[in-house]
PDB file of N, CA and C in Angstrom:
ATOM      1  N   MET A   1      88.448 113.466  74.730  1.00  0.00           N
ATOM      2  CA  MET A   1      88.838 114.715  75.335  1.00  0.00           C
ATOM      3  C   MET A   1      90.302 114.675  75.768  1.00  0.00           C
ATOM      4  N   ILE A   2      90.718 113.577  76.374  1.00  0.00           N
ATOM      5  CA  ILE A   2      92.108 113.459  76.816  1.00  0.00           C
ATOM      6  C   ILE A   2      93.050 113.493  75.615  1.00  0.00           C
ATOM      7  N   ARG A   3      92.693 112.806  74.555  1.00  0.00           N
ATOM      8  CA  ARG A   3      93.524 112.810  73.347  1.00  0.00           C
ATOM      9  C   ARG A   3      93.638 114.230  72.783  1.00  0.00           C
ATOM     10  N   LYS A   4      92.511 114.945  72.698  1.00  0.00           N
ATOM     11  CA  LYS A   4      92.512 116.322  72.183  1.00  0.00           C
ATOM     12  C   LYS A   4      93.380 117.225  73.060  1.00  0.00           C
ATOM     13  N   ALA A   5      93.211 117.112  74.361  1.00  0.00           N
ATOM     14  CA  ALA A   5      94.005 117.925  75.288  1.00  0.00           C
ATOM     15  C   ALA A   5      95.483 117.607  75.139  1.00  0.00           C
ATOM     16  N   HIS A   6      95.809 116.335  74.991  1.00  0.00           N
ATOM     17  CA  HIS A   6      97.203 115.922  74.792  1.00  0.00           C
ATOM     18  C   HIS A   6      97.757 116.535  73.505  1.00  0.00           C
ATOM     19  N   GLU A   7      96.959 116.504  72.444  1.00  0.00           N
ATOM     20  CA  GLU A   7      97.383 117.080  71.166  1.00  0.00           C
ATOM     21  C   GLU A   7      97.616 118.586  71.275  1.00  0.00           C
ATOM     22  N   LEU A   8      96.922 119.242  72.207  1.00  0.00           N
ATOM     23  CA  LEU A   8      97.098 120.675  72.444  1.00  0.00           C
ATOM     24  C   LEU A   8      98.218 120.953  73.442  1.00  0.00           C
ATOM     25  N   ASP A   9      98.950 119.902  73.817  1.00  0.00           N
ATOM     26  CA  ASP A   9     100.071 119.994  74.759  1.00  0.00           C
ATOM     27  C   ASP A   9      99.635 120.452  76.156  1.00  0.00           C
ATOM     28  N   MET A  10      98.424 120.050  76.541  1.00  0.00           N
ATOM     29  CA  MET A  10      97.924 120.337  77.878  1.00  0.00           C
ATOM     30  C   MET A  10      98.265 119.167  78.803  1.00  0.00           C
ATOM     31  N   LEU A  11      98.470 119.462  80.057  1.00  0.00           N
ATOM     32  CA  LEU A  11      98.684 118.417  81.058  1.00  0.00           C
ATOM     33  C   LEU A  11      97.359 117.692  81.278  1.00  0.00           C
ATOM     34  N   THR A  12      97.368 116.375  81.174  1.00  0.00           N
ATOM     35  CA  THR A  12      96.143 115.596  81.324  1.00  0.00           C
ATOM     36  C   THR A  12      96.252 114.654  82.514  1.00  0.00           C
ATOM     37  N   THR A  13      95.201 114.653  83.342  1.00  0.00           N
ATOM     38  CA  THR A  13      95.209 113.866  84.579  1.00  0.00           C
ATOM     39  C   THR A  13      93.856 113.189  84.800  1.00  0.00           C
ATOM     40  N   PRO A  14      93.467 112.268  83.941  1.00  0.00           N
ATOM     41  CA  PRO A  14      92.151 111.647  84.096  1.00  0.00           C
ATOM     42  C   PRO A  14      92.077 110.683  85.279  1.00  0.00           C
ATOM     43  N   TYR A  15      90.895 110.661  85.902  1.00  0.00           N
ATOM     44  CA  TYR A  15      90.595 109.635  86.897  1.00  0.00           C
ATOM     45  C   TYR A  15      90.389 108.321  86.158  1.00  0.00           C
ATOM     46  N   VAL A  16      90.923 107.243  86.710  1.00  0.00           N
ATOM     47  CA  VAL A  16      90.672 105.901  86.193  1.00  0.00           C
ATOM     48  C   VAL A  16      90.282 105.004  87.370  1.00  0.00           C
ATOM     49  N   PHE A  17      89.370 104.075  87.088  1.00  0.00           N
ATOM     50  CA  PHE A  17      88.839 103.220  88.138  1.00  0.00           C
ATOM     51  C   PHE A  17      89.267 101.770  88.002  1.00  0.00           C
ATOM     52  N   ASP A  18      89.891 101.422  86.871  1.00  0.00           N
ATOM     53  CA  ASP A  18      90.323 100.038  86.669  1.00  0.00           C
ATOM     54  C   ASP A  18      91.397  99.984  85.578  1.00  0.00           C
ATOM     55  N   GLU A  19      91.880  98.792  85.340  1.00  0.00           N
ATOM     56  CA  GLU A  19      92.964  98.596  84.374  1.00  0.00           C
ATOM     57  C   GLU A  19      92.554  98.963  82.952  1.00  0.00           C
ATOM     58  N   GLU A  20      91.337  98.611  82.571  1.00  0.00           N
ATOM     59  CA  GLU A  20      90.874  98.914  81.212  1.00  0.00           C
ATOM     60  C   GLU A  20      90.886 100.412  80.953  1.00  0.00           C
ATOM     61  N   GLN A  21      90.403 101.184  81.909  1.00  0.00           N
ATOM     62  CA  GLN A  21      90.415 102.639  81.759  1.00  0.00           C
ATOM     63  C   GLN A  21      91.841 103.181  81.754  1.00  0.00           C
ATOM     64  N   ALA A  22      92.712 102.577  82.558  1.00  0.00           N
ATOM     65  CA  ALA A  22      94.119 103.012  82.580  1.00  0.00           C
ATOM     66  C   ALA A  22      94.758 102.827  81.209  1.00  0.00           C
ATOM     67  N   ILE A  23      94.497 101.707  80.581  1.00  0.00           N
ATOM     68  CA  ILE A  23      95.049 101.439  79.246  1.00  0.00           C
ATOM     69  C   ILE A  23      94.483 102.431  78.232  1.00  0.00           C
ATOM     70  N   LYS A  24      93.176 102.654  78.278  1.00  0.00           N
ATOM     71  CA  LYS A  24      92.555 103.586  77.339  1.00  0.00           C
ATOM     72  C   LYS A  24      93.104 105.005  77.502  1.00  0.00           C
ATOM     73  N   MET A  25      93.247 105.455  78.727  1.00  0.00           N
ATOM     74  CA  MET A  25      93.729 106.818  78.965  1.00  0.00           C
ATOM     75  C   MET A  25      95.215 106.948  78.622  1.00  0.00           C
ATOM     76  N   ALA A  26      95.992 105.911  78.894  1.00  0.00           N
ATOM     77  CA  ALA A  26      97.402 105.931  78.496  1.00  0.00           C
ATOM     78  C   ALA A  26      97.517 105.976  76.978  1.00  0.00           C
ATOM     79  N   ASN A  27      96.701 105.201  76.292  1.00  0.00           N
ATOM     80  CA  ASN A  27      96.691 105.230  74.823  1.00  0.00           C
ATOM     81  C   ASN A  27      96.269 106.587  74.280  1.00  0.00           C
ATOM     82  N   ALA A  28      95.419 107.293  75.014  1.00  0.00           N
ATOM     83  CA  ALA A  28      94.953 108.611  74.587  1.00  0.00           C
ATOM     84  C   ALA A  28      95.998 109.694  74.841  1.00  0.00           C
ATOM     85  N   GLY A  29      97.066 109.355  75.588  1.00  0.00           N
ATOM     86  CA  GLY A  29      98.135 110.313  75.834  1.00  0.00           C
ATOM     87  C   GLY A  29      98.128 110.959  77.200  1.00  0.00           C
ATOM     88  N   ALA A  30      97.400 110.389  78.143  1.00  0.00           N
ATOM     89  CA  ALA A  30      97.370 110.957  79.497  1.00  0.00           C
ATOM     90  C   ALA A  30      98.778 111.070  80.057  1.00  0.00           C
ATOM     91  N   ASP A  31      99.021 112.163  80.762  1.00  0.00           N
ATOM     92  CA  ASP A  31     100.320 112.370  81.413  1.00  0.00           C
ATOM     93  C   ASP A  31     100.370 111.723  82.789  1.00  0.00           C
ATOM     94  N   ILE A  32      99.266 111.848  83.503  1.00  0.00           N
ATOM     95  CA  ILE A  32      99.163 111.337  84.871  1.00  0.00           C
ATOM     96  C   ILE A  32      97.835 110.602  84.998  1.00  0.00           C
ATOM     97  N   LEU A  33      97.862 109.378  85.493  1.00  0.00           N
ATOM     98  CA  LEU A  33      96.629 108.658  85.791  1.00  0.00           C
ATOM     99  C   LEU A  33      96.333 108.830  87.275  1.00  0.00           C
ATOM    100  N   VAL A  34      95.090 109.176  87.580  1.00  0.00           N
ATOM    101  CA  VAL A  34      94.662 109.280  88.966  1.00  0.00           C
ATOM    102  C   VAL A  34      93.862 108.010  89.272  1.00  0.00           C
ATOM    103  N   ALA A  35      94.473 107.106  90.027  1.00  0.00           N
ATOM    104  CA  ALA A  35      93.823 105.847  90.393  1.00  0.00           C
ATOM    105  C   ALA A  35      92.784 106.141  91.470  1.00  0.00           C
ATOM    106  N   HIS A  36      91.524 106.206  91.057  1.00  0.00           N
ATOM    107  CA  HIS A  36      90.432 106.634  91.934  1.00  0.00           C
ATOM    108  C   HIS A  36      89.824 105.425  92.637  1.00  0.00           C
ATOM    109  N   MET A  37      89.780 105.486  93.958  1.00  0.00           N
ATOM    110  CA  MET A  37      89.291 104.375  94.768  1.00  0.00           C
ATOM    111  C   MET A  37      87.902 104.610  95.327  1.00  0.00           C
ATOM    112  N   GLY A  38      87.171 105.554  94.762  1.00  0.00           N
ATOM    113  CA  GLY A  38      85.796 105.806  95.190  1.00  0.00           C
ATOM    114  C   GLY A  38      85.680 107.031  96.064  1.00  0.00           C
ATOM    115  N   LEU A  39      84.468 107.280  96.544  1.00  0.00           N
ATOM    116  CA  LEU A  39      84.226 108.444  97.390  1.00  0.00           C
ATOM    117  C   LEU A  39      85.060 108.372  98.659  1.00  0.00           C
ATOM    118  N   THR A  40      85.594 109.514  99.059  1.00  0.00           N
ATOM    119  CA  THR A  40      86.384 109.590 100.283  1.00  0.00           C
ATOM    120  C   THR A  40      85.494 109.245 101.472  1.00  0.00           C
ATOM    121  N   THR A  41      86.028 108.448 102.380  1.00  0.00           N
ATOM    122  CA  THR A  41      85.201 107.905 103.458  1.00  0.00           C
ATOM    123  C   THR A  41      85.226 108.697 104.754  1.00  0.00           C
ATOM    124  N   LYS A  42      86.157 109.560 104.957  1.00  0.00           N
ATOM    125  CA  LYS A  42      86.272 110.219 106.259  1.00  0.00           C
ATOM    126  C   LYS A  42      85.659 111.613 106.235  1.00  0.00           C
ATOM    127  N   GLY A  43      85.671 112.271 107.384  1.00  0.00           N
ATOM    128  CA  GLY A  43      85.051 113.582 107.499  1.00  0.00           C
ATOM    129  C   GLY A  43      83.582 113.431 107.861  1.00  0.00           C
ATOM    130  N   THR A  44      82.896 114.549 107.961  1.00  0.00           N
ATOM    131  CA  THR A  44      81.511 114.524 108.436  1.00  0.00           C
ATOM    132  C   THR A  44      80.524 114.026 107.390  1.00  0.00           C
ATOM    133  N   ILE A  45      80.877 114.121 106.106  1.00  0.00           N
ATOM    134  CA  ILE A  45      79.940 113.677 105.065  1.00  0.00           C
ATOM    135  C   ILE A  45      80.556 112.616 104.161  1.00  0.00           C
ATOM    136  N   GLY A  46      81.564 111.931 104.646  1.00  0.00           N
ATOM    137  CA  GLY A  46      82.235 110.916 103.844  1.00  0.00           C
ATOM    138  C   GLY A  46      81.351 109.715 103.555  1.00  0.00           C
ATOM    139  N   ALA A  47      81.735 108.976 102.525  1.00  0.00           N
ATOM    140  CA  ALA A  47      81.015 107.754 102.160  1.00  0.00           C
ATOM    141  C   ALA A  47      81.042 106.767 103.323  1.00  0.00           C
ATOM    142  N   LYS A  48      80.003 105.976 103.436  1.00  0.00           N
ATOM    143  CA  LYS A  48      79.901 105.019 104.544  1.00  0.00           C
ATOM    144  C   LYS A  48      80.533 103.674 104.223  1.00  0.00           C
ATOM    145  N   THR A  49      80.683 103.347 102.965  1.00  0.00           N
ATOM    146  CA  THR A  49      81.303 102.081 102.595  1.00  0.00           C
ATOM    147  C   THR A  49      82.460 102.341 101.646  1.00  0.00           C
ATOM    148  N   ALA A  50      83.454 101.504 101.751  1.00  0.00           N
ATOM    149  CA  ALA A  50      84.621 101.678 100.894  1.00  0.00           C
ATOM    150  C   ALA A  50      85.479 100.430 100.925  1.00  0.00           C
ATOM    151  N   LEU A  51      86.478 100.448 100.092  1.00  0.00           N
ATOM    152  CA  LEU A  51      87.500  99.411 100.082  1.00  0.00           C
ATOM    153  C   LEU A  51      88.381  99.555 101.305  1.00  0.00           C
ATOM    154  N   SER A  52      89.116  98.511 101.633  1.00  0.00           N
ATOM    155  CA  SER A  52      90.149  98.634 102.663  1.00  0.00           C
ATOM    156  C   SER A  52      91.399  99.216 102.009  1.00  0.00           C
ATOM    157  N   LEU A  53      92.341  99.669 102.809  1.00  0.00           N
ATOM    158  CA  LEU A  53      93.601 100.163 102.246  1.00  0.00           C
ATOM    159  C   LEU A  53      94.327  99.058 101.491  1.00  0.00           C
ATOM    160  N   ASP A  54      94.276  97.830 102.008  1.00  0.00           N
ATOM    161  CA  ASP A  54      94.934  96.720 101.314  1.00  0.00           C
ATOM    162  C   ASP A  54      94.256  96.417  99.977  1.00  0.00           C
ATOM    163  N   ASP A  55      92.918  96.540  99.922  1.00  0.00           N
ATOM    164  CA  ASP A  55      92.218  96.399  98.642  1.00  0.00           C
ATOM    165  C   ASP A  55      92.723  97.455  97.655  1.00  0.00           C
ATOM    166  N   CYS A  56      92.889  98.664  98.157  1.00  0.00           N
ATOM    167  CA  CYS A  56      93.364  99.762  97.309  1.00  0.00           C
ATOM    168  C   CYS A  56      94.768  99.477  96.775  1.00  0.00           C
ATOM    169  N   VAL A  57      95.634  98.973  97.619  1.00  0.00           N
ATOM    170  CA  VAL A  57      96.995  98.646  97.185  1.00  0.00           C
ATOM    171  C   VAL A  57      96.943  97.707  95.984  1.00  0.00           C
ATOM    172  N   GLU A  58      96.138  96.668  96.075  1.00  0.00           N
ATOM    173  CA  GLU A  58      96.036  95.702  94.973  1.00  0.00           C
ATOM    174  C   GLU A  58      95.474  96.341  93.709  1.00  0.00           C
ATOM    175  N   ARG A  59      94.387  97.090  93.859  1.00  0.00           N
ATOM    176  CA  ARG A  59      93.755  97.723  92.684  1.00  0.00           C
ATOM    177  C   ARG A  59      94.672  98.752  92.037  1.00  0.00           C
ATOM    178  N   ILE A  60      95.323  99.555  92.855  1.00  0.00           N
ATOM    179  CA  ILE A  60      96.198 100.597  92.313  1.00  0.00           C
ATOM    180  C   ILE A  60      97.403  99.967  91.624  1.00  0.00           C
ATOM    181  N   GLN A  61      97.940  98.897  92.182  1.00  0.00           N
ATOM    182  CA  GLN A  61      99.072  98.237  91.526  1.00  0.00           C
ATOM    183  C   GLN A  61      98.670  97.767  90.134  1.00  0.00           C
ATOM    184  N   ARG A  62      97.472  97.208  90.013  1.00  0.00           N
ATOM    185  CA  ARG A  62      97.002  96.763  88.693  1.00  0.00           C
ATOM    186  C   ARG A  62      96.840  97.943  87.737  1.00  0.00           C
ATOM    187  N   ILE A  63      96.385  99.087  88.247  1.00  0.00           N
ATOM    188  CA  ILE A  63      96.244 100.285  87.414  1.00  0.00           C
ATOM    189  C   ILE A  63      97.607 100.798  86.973  1.00  0.00           C
ATOM    190  N   VAL A  64      98.565 100.837  87.889  1.00  0.00           N
ATOM    191  CA  VAL A  64      99.935 101.256  87.543  1.00  0.00           C
ATOM    192  C   VAL A  64     100.496 100.344  86.462  1.00  0.00           C
ATOM    193  N   ASP A  65     100.394  99.061  86.671  1.00  0.00           N
ATOM    194  CA  ASP A  65     100.936  98.094  85.710  1.00  0.00           C
ATOM    195  C   ASP A  65     100.272  98.228  84.346  1.00  0.00           C
ATOM    196  N   ALA A  66      98.953  98.433  84.330  1.00  0.00           N
ATOM    197  CA  ALA A  66      98.233  98.573  83.058  1.00  0.00           C
ATOM    198  C   ALA A  66      98.662  99.843  82.330  1.00  0.00           C
ATOM    199  N   GLY A  67      98.717 100.945  83.036  1.00  0.00           N
ATOM    200  CA  GLY A  67      99.128 102.202  82.406  1.00  0.00           C
ATOM    201  C   GLY A  67     100.547 102.139  81.866  1.00  0.00           C
ATOM    202  N   ARG A  68     101.426 101.531  82.642  1.00  0.00           N
ATOM    203  CA  ARG A  68     102.826 101.428  82.216  1.00  0.00           C
ATOM    204  C   ARG A  68     103.041 100.399  81.114  1.00  0.00           C
ATOM    205  N   SER A  69     102.083  99.503  80.909  1.00  0.00           N
ATOM    206  CA  SER A  69     102.198  98.561  79.792  1.00  0.00           C
ATOM    207  C   SER A  69     102.065  99.313  78.468  1.00  0.00           C
ATOM    208  N   VAL A  70     101.414 100.456  78.493  1.00  0.00           N
ATOM    209  CA  VAL A  70     101.249 101.303  77.310  1.00  0.00           C
ATOM    210  C   VAL A  70     102.354 102.351  77.255  1.00  0.00           C
ATOM    211  N   ASN A  71     102.602 103.003  78.387  1.00  0.00           N
ATOM    212  CA  ASN A  71     103.590 104.079  78.462  1.00  0.00           C
ATOM    213  C   ASN A  71     104.414 103.899  79.735  1.00  0.00           C
ATOM    214  N   PRO A  72     105.633 103.395  79.618  1.00  0.00           N
ATOM    215  CA  PRO A  72     106.457 103.145  80.805  1.00  0.00           C
ATOM    216  C   PRO A  72     106.773 104.407  81.622  1.00  0.00           C
ATOM    217  N   ASP A  73     106.586 105.586  81.008  1.00  0.00           N
ATOM    218  CA  ASP A  73     106.894 106.839  81.699  1.00  0.00           C
ATOM    219  C   ASP A  73     105.675 107.515  82.324  1.00  0.00           C
ATOM    220  N   ILE A  74     104.513 106.914  82.175  1.00  0.00           N
ATOM    221  CA  ILE A  74     103.304 107.543  82.711  1.00  0.00           C
ATOM    222  C   ILE A  74     103.395 107.617  84.235  1.00  0.00           C
ATOM    223  N   LEU A  75     102.907 108.711  84.784  1.00  0.00           N
ATOM    224  CA  LEU A  75     102.869 108.876  86.232  1.00  0.00           C
ATOM    225  C   LEU A  75     101.504 108.416  86.733  1.00  0.00           C
ATOM    226  N   VAL A  76     101.488 107.801  87.925  1.00  0.00           N
ATOM    227  CA  VAL A  76     100.223 107.378  88.529  1.00  0.00           C
ATOM    228  C   VAL A  76     100.211 107.857  89.975  1.00  0.00           C
ATOM    229  N   ILE A  77      99.083 108.481  90.333  1.00  0.00           N
ATOM    230  CA  ILE A  77      98.857 108.917  91.712  1.00  0.00           C
ATOM    231  C   ILE A  77      97.540 108.313  92.192  1.00  0.00           C
ATOM    232  N   CYS A  78      97.348 108.252  93.509  1.00  0.00           N
ATOM    233  CA  CYS A  78      96.141 107.642  94.062  1.00  0.00           C
ATOM    234  C   CYS A  78      95.202 108.701  94.620  1.00  0.00           C
ATOM    235  N   HIS A  79      93.935 108.297  94.769  1.00  0.00           N
ATOM    236  CA  HIS A  79      92.929 109.241  95.253  1.00  0.00           C
ATOM    237  C   HIS A  79      91.689 108.496  95.745  1.00  0.00           C
ATOM    238  N   GLY A  80      91.077 109.020  96.791  1.00  0.00           N
ATOM    239  CA  GLY A  80      89.743 108.615  97.179  1.00  0.00           C
ATOM    240  C   GLY A  80      89.621 107.391  98.066  1.00  0.00           C
ATOM    241  N   GLY A  81      88.366 107.005  98.278  1.00  0.00           N
ATOM    242  CA  GLY A  81      88.065 105.858  99.126  1.00  0.00           C
ATOM    243  C   GLY A  81      88.620 106.057 100.526  1.00  0.00           C
ATOM    244  N   PRO A  82      89.258 105.027 101.062  1.00  0.00           N
ATOM    245  CA  PRO A  82      89.804 105.128 102.415  1.00  0.00           C
ATOM    246  C   PRO A  82      91.142 105.880 102.482  1.00  0.00           C
ATOM    247  N   ILE A  83      91.651 106.325 101.342  1.00  0.00           N
ATOM    248  CA  ILE A  83      92.920 107.075 101.324  1.00  0.00           C
ATOM    249  C   ILE A  83      92.567 108.534 101.583  1.00  0.00           C
ATOM    250  N   ALA A  84      92.454 108.884 102.867  1.00  0.00           N
ATOM    251  CA  ALA A  84      91.933 110.190 103.229  1.00  0.00           C
ATOM    252  C   ALA A  84      92.887 111.031 104.069  1.00  0.00           C
ATOM    253  N   GLU A  85      93.699 110.399 104.844  1.00  0.00           N
ATOM    254  CA  GLU A  85      94.628 111.095 105.735  1.00  0.00           C
ATOM    255  C   GLU A  85      96.060 110.839 105.270  1.00  0.00           C
ATOM    256  N   PRO A  86      97.009 111.672 105.705  1.00  0.00           N
ATOM    257  CA  PRO A  86      98.403 111.467 105.293  1.00  0.00           C
ATOM    258  C   PRO A  86      98.917 110.054 105.577  1.00  0.00           C
ATOM    259  N   GLU A  87      98.546 109.476 106.705  1.00  0.00           N
ATOM    260  CA  GLU A  87      99.011 108.119 107.029  1.00  0.00           C
ATOM    261  C   GLU A  87      98.430 107.082 106.067  1.00  0.00           C
ATOM    262  N   ASP A  88      97.197 107.310 105.601  1.00  0.00           N
ATOM    263  CA  ASP A  88      96.589 106.401 104.622  1.00  0.00           C
ATOM    264  C   ASP A  88      97.375 106.445 103.311  1.00  0.00           C
ATOM    265  N   ALA A  89      97.665 107.661 102.857  1.00  0.00           N
ATOM    266  CA  ALA A  89      98.419 107.822 101.608  1.00  0.00           C
ATOM    267  C   ALA A  89      99.810 107.209 101.739  1.00  0.00           C
ATOM    268  N   LYS A  90     100.448 107.435 102.869  1.00  0.00           N
ATOM    269  CA  LYS A  90     101.784 106.870 103.101  1.00  0.00           C
ATOM    270  C   LYS A  90     101.738 105.342 103.031  1.00  0.00           C
ATOM    271  N   TYR A  91     100.726 104.751 103.646  1.00  0.00           N
ATOM    272  CA  TYR A  91     100.561 103.297 103.653  1.00  0.00           C
ATOM    273  C   TYR A  91     100.499 102.763 102.224  1.00  0.00           C
ATOM    274  N   VAL A  92      99.684 103.397 101.389  1.00  0.00           N
ATOM    275  CA  VAL A  92      99.491 102.944 100.017  1.00  0.00           C
ATOM    276  C   VAL A  92     100.732 103.206  99.174  1.00  0.00           C
ATOM    277  N   ILE A  93     101.280 104.403  99.258  1.00  0.00           N
ATOM    278  CA  ILE A  93     102.450 104.769  98.443  1.00  0.00           C
ATOM    279  C   ILE A  93     103.629 103.835  98.716  1.00  0.00           C
ATOM    280  N   LYS A  94     103.827 103.467  99.977  1.00  0.00           N
ATOM    281  CA  LYS A  94     104.945 102.581 100.319  1.00  0.00           C
ATOM    282  C   LYS A  94     104.755 101.152  99.806  1.00  0.00           C
ATOM    283  N   ARG A  95     103.519 100.776  99.486  1.00  0.00           N
ATOM    284  CA  ARG A  95     103.235  99.393  99.097  1.00  0.00           C
ATOM    285  C   ARG A  95     102.971  99.186  97.603  1.00  0.00           C
ATOM    286  N   VAL A  96     102.788 100.274  96.853  1.00  0.00           N
ATOM    287  CA  VAL A  96     102.505 100.152  95.417  1.00  0.00           C
ATOM    288  C   VAL A  96     103.740 100.557  94.631  1.00  0.00           C
ATOM    289  N   ASP A  97     104.306  99.603  93.913  1.00  0.00           N
ATOM    290  CA  ASP A  97     105.487  99.867  93.101  1.00  0.00           C
ATOM    291  C   ASP A  97     105.117 100.779  91.931  1.00  0.00           C
ATOM    292  N   GLY A  98     105.790 101.917  91.843  1.00  0.00           N
ATOM    293  CA  GLY A  98     105.569 102.840  90.732  1.00  0.00           C
ATOM    294  C   GLY A  98     104.576 103.947  91.014  1.00  0.00           C
ATOM    295  N   LEU A  99     103.898 103.905  92.152  1.00  0.00           N
ATOM    296  CA  LEU A  99     102.971 104.974  92.516  1.00  0.00           C
ATOM    297  C   LEU A  99     103.776 106.182  92.974  1.00  0.00           C
ATOM    298  N   VAL A 100     103.478 107.372  92.422  1.00  0.00           N
ATOM    299  CA  VAL A 100     104.331 108.525  92.703  1.00  0.00           C
ATOM    300  C   VAL A 100     103.711 109.565  93.631  1.00  0.00           C
ATOM    301  N   GLY A 101     102.457 109.376  94.046  1.00  0.00           N
ATOM    302  CA  GLY A 101     101.901 110.372  94.949  1.00  0.00           C
ATOM    303  C   GLY A 101     100.412 110.212  95.179  1.00  0.00           C
ATOM    304  N   PHE A 102      99.856 111.250  95.790  1.00  0.00           N
ATOM    305  CA  PHE A 102      98.459 111.287  96.209  1.00  0.00           C
ATOM    306  C   PHE A 102      97.813 112.555  95.673  1.00  0.00           C
ATOM    307  N   PHE A 103      96.586 112.448  95.208  1.00  0.00           N
ATOM    308  CA  PHE A 103      95.826 113.584  94.720  1.00  0.00           C
ATOM    309  C   PHE A 103      94.773 113.921  95.764  1.00  0.00           C
ATOM    310  N   GLY A 104      94.946 115.028  96.463  1.00  0.00           N
ATOM    311  CA  GLY A 104      94.026 115.405  97.529  1.00  0.00           C
ATOM    312  C   GLY A 104      92.937 116.328  97.032  1.00  0.00           C
ATOM    313  N   ALA A 105      91.734 116.074  97.454  1.00  0.00           N
ATOM    314  CA  ALA A 105      90.600 116.954  97.185  1.00  0.00           C
ATOM    315  C   ALA A 105      89.929 117.171  98.538  1.00  0.00           C
ATOM    316  N   SER A 106      88.941 116.348  98.874  1.00  0.00           N
ATOM    317  CA  SER A 106      88.295 116.455 100.186  1.00  0.00           C
ATOM    318  C   SER A 106      89.328 116.387 101.307  1.00  0.00           C
ATOM    319  N   SER A 107      90.330 115.563 101.128  1.00  0.00           N
ATOM    320  CA  SER A 107      91.352 115.378 102.162  1.00  0.00           C
ATOM    321  C   SER A 107      92.109 116.659 102.463  1.00  0.00           C
ATOM    322  N   ILE A 108      92.160 117.537 101.497  1.00  0.00           N
ATOM    323  CA  ILE A 108      92.880 118.796 101.674  1.00  0.00           C
ATOM    324  C   ILE A 108      91.924 119.918 102.070  1.00  0.00           C
ATOM    325  N   GLU A 109      90.894 120.145 101.253  1.00  0.00           N
ATOM    326  CA  GLU A 109      90.047 121.305 101.501  1.00  0.00           C
ATOM    327  C   GLU A 109      88.892 121.044 102.458  1.00  0.00           C
ATOM    328  N   ARG A 110      88.142 119.979 102.270  1.00  0.00           N
ATOM    329  CA  ARG A 110      86.973 119.764 103.130  1.00  0.00           C
ATOM    330  C   ARG A 110      87.369 119.411 104.557  1.00  0.00           C
ATOM    331  N   PHE A 111      88.324 118.510 104.717  1.00  0.00           N
ATOM    332  CA  PHE A 111      88.718 118.108 106.075  1.00  0.00           C
ATOM    333  C   PHE A 111      89.254 119.296 106.868  1.00  0.00           C
ATOM    334  N   ALA A 112      90.077 120.114 106.230  1.00  0.00           N
ATOM    335  CA  ALA A 112      90.630 121.284 106.920  1.00  0.00           C
ATOM    336  C   ALA A 112      89.518 122.240 107.337  1.00  0.00           C
ATOM    337  N   ALA A 113      88.565 122.471 106.439  1.00  0.00           N
ATOM    338  CA  ALA A 113      87.444 123.357 106.762  1.00  0.00           C
ATOM    339  C   ALA A 113      86.607 122.779 107.895  1.00  0.00           C
ATOM    340  N   GLU A 114      86.321 121.477 107.830  1.00  0.00           N
ATOM    341  CA  GLU A 114      85.517 120.849 108.890  1.00  0.00           C
ATOM    342  C   GLU A 114      86.191 120.985 110.246  1.00  0.00           C
ATOM    343  N   LYS A 115      87.490 120.735 110.293  1.00  0.00           N
ATOM    344  CA  LYS A 115      88.211 120.823 111.569  1.00  0.00           C
ATOM    345  C   LYS A 115      88.205 122.251 112.089  1.00  0.00           C
ATOM    346  N   GLY A 116      88.445 123.214 111.192  1.00  0.00           N
ATOM    347  CA  GLY A 116      88.464 124.621 111.595  1.00  0.00           C
ATOM    348  C   GLY A 116      87.101 125.100 112.060  1.00  0.00           C
ATOM    349  N   ILE A 117      86.053 124.732 111.345  1.00  0.00           N
ATOM    350  CA  ILE A 117      84.694 125.133 111.719  1.00  0.00           C
ATOM    351  C   ILE A 117      84.313 124.531 113.064  1.00  0.00           C
ATOM    352  N   LYS A 118      84.647 123.265 113.261  1.00  0.00           N
ATOM    353  CA  LYS A 118      84.328 122.608 114.533  1.00  0.00           C
ATOM    354  C   LYS A 118      85.056 123.294 115.689  1.00  0.00           C
ATOM    355  N   ALA A 119      86.347 123.566 115.516  1.00  0.00           N
ATOM    356  CA  ALA A 119      87.122 124.208 116.580  1.00  0.00           C
ATOM    357  C   ALA A 119      86.586 125.609 116.876  1.00  0.00           C
ATOM    358  N   GLN A 120      86.247 126.358 115.836  1.00  0.00           N
ATOM    359  CA  GLN A 120      85.727 127.710 116.020  1.00  0.00           C
ATOM    360  C   GLN A 120      84.372 127.665 116.735  1.00  0.00           C
ATOM    361  N   THR A 121      83.515 126.743 116.336  1.00  0.00           N
ATOM    362  CA  THR A 121      82.199 126.610 116.969  1.00  0.00           C
ATOM    363  C   THR A 121      82.353 126.223 118.436  1.00  0.00           C
ATOM    364  N   GLU A 122      83.250 125.295 118.720  1.00  0.00           N
ATOM    365  CA  GLU A 122      83.474 124.889 120.112  1.00  0.00           C
ATOM    366  C   GLU A 122      83.992 126.048 120.950  1.00  0.00           C
ATOM    367  N   ALA A 123      84.836 126.891 120.370  1.00  0.00           N
ATOM    368  CA  ALA A 123      85.340 128.057 121.100  1.00  0.00           C
ATOM    369  C   ALA A 123      84.200 129.019 121.445  1.00  0.00           C
ATOM    370  N   PHE A 124      83.295 129.247 120.498  1.00  0.00           N
ATOM    371  CA  PHE A 124      82.153 130.108 120.784  1.00  0.00           C
ATOM    372  C   PHE A 124      81.249 129.483 121.845  1.00  0.00           C
ATOM    373  N   LYS A 125      81.094 128.163 121.808  1.00  0.00           N
ATOM    374  CA  LYS A 125      80.225 127.499 122.769  1.00  0.00           C
ATOM    375  C   LYS A 125      80.788 127.577 124.200  1.00  0.00           C
ATOM    376  N   GLN A 126      82.069 127.825 124.321  1.00  0.00           N
ATOM    377  CA  GLN A 126      82.702 127.897 125.654  1.00  0.00           C
ATOM    378  C   GLN A 126      82.475 129.241 126.330  1.00  0.00           C
ATOM    379  N   ILE A 127      81.918 130.208 125.620  1.00  0.00           N
ATOM    380  CA  ILE A 127      81.691 131.537 126.203  1.00  0.00           C
ATOM    381  C   ILE A 127      80.598 131.432 127.275  1.00  0.00           C
ATOM    382  N   LYS A 128      80.939 131.876 128.440  1.00  0.00           N
ATOM    383  CA  LYS A 128      79.998 131.866 129.575  1.00  0.00           C
ATOM    384  C   LYS A 128      79.743 133.304 130.016  1.00  0.00           C
ATOM    385  N   ARG A 129      78.558 133.572 130.413  1.00  0.00           N
ATOM    386  CA  ARG A 129      78.198 134.911 130.865  1.00  0.00           C
ATOM    387  C   ARG A 129      78.667 135.135 132.275  1.00  0.00           C
TER     388      ARG A 129
END
């Protein structure tokens, strides 16, 4: 699918979980590799177990290196696991050579909704007769 999309001149951003997948997706013509570190751990329904941020740094560096061994110009961004808040992403980005950013999903939409819903509910609960 990534190869076909690349041939159609579409932007391709596959999730990859390890070096082998990074090499395969780079060979298929991926434009951006999303180094996926597992289910996001924070928020009200986040995963209960995950890698540490330092584990992520090591894994993502290996993914960056693998992808760039095929295509030196490939972009790599991080996503998931314990990389959930801006400070988490900053920690990882500053420590992984060649990592160009963060791909937010739950960290952007679900966390914001959870915080807003909680604040709104608490405001209603403060109403006294």
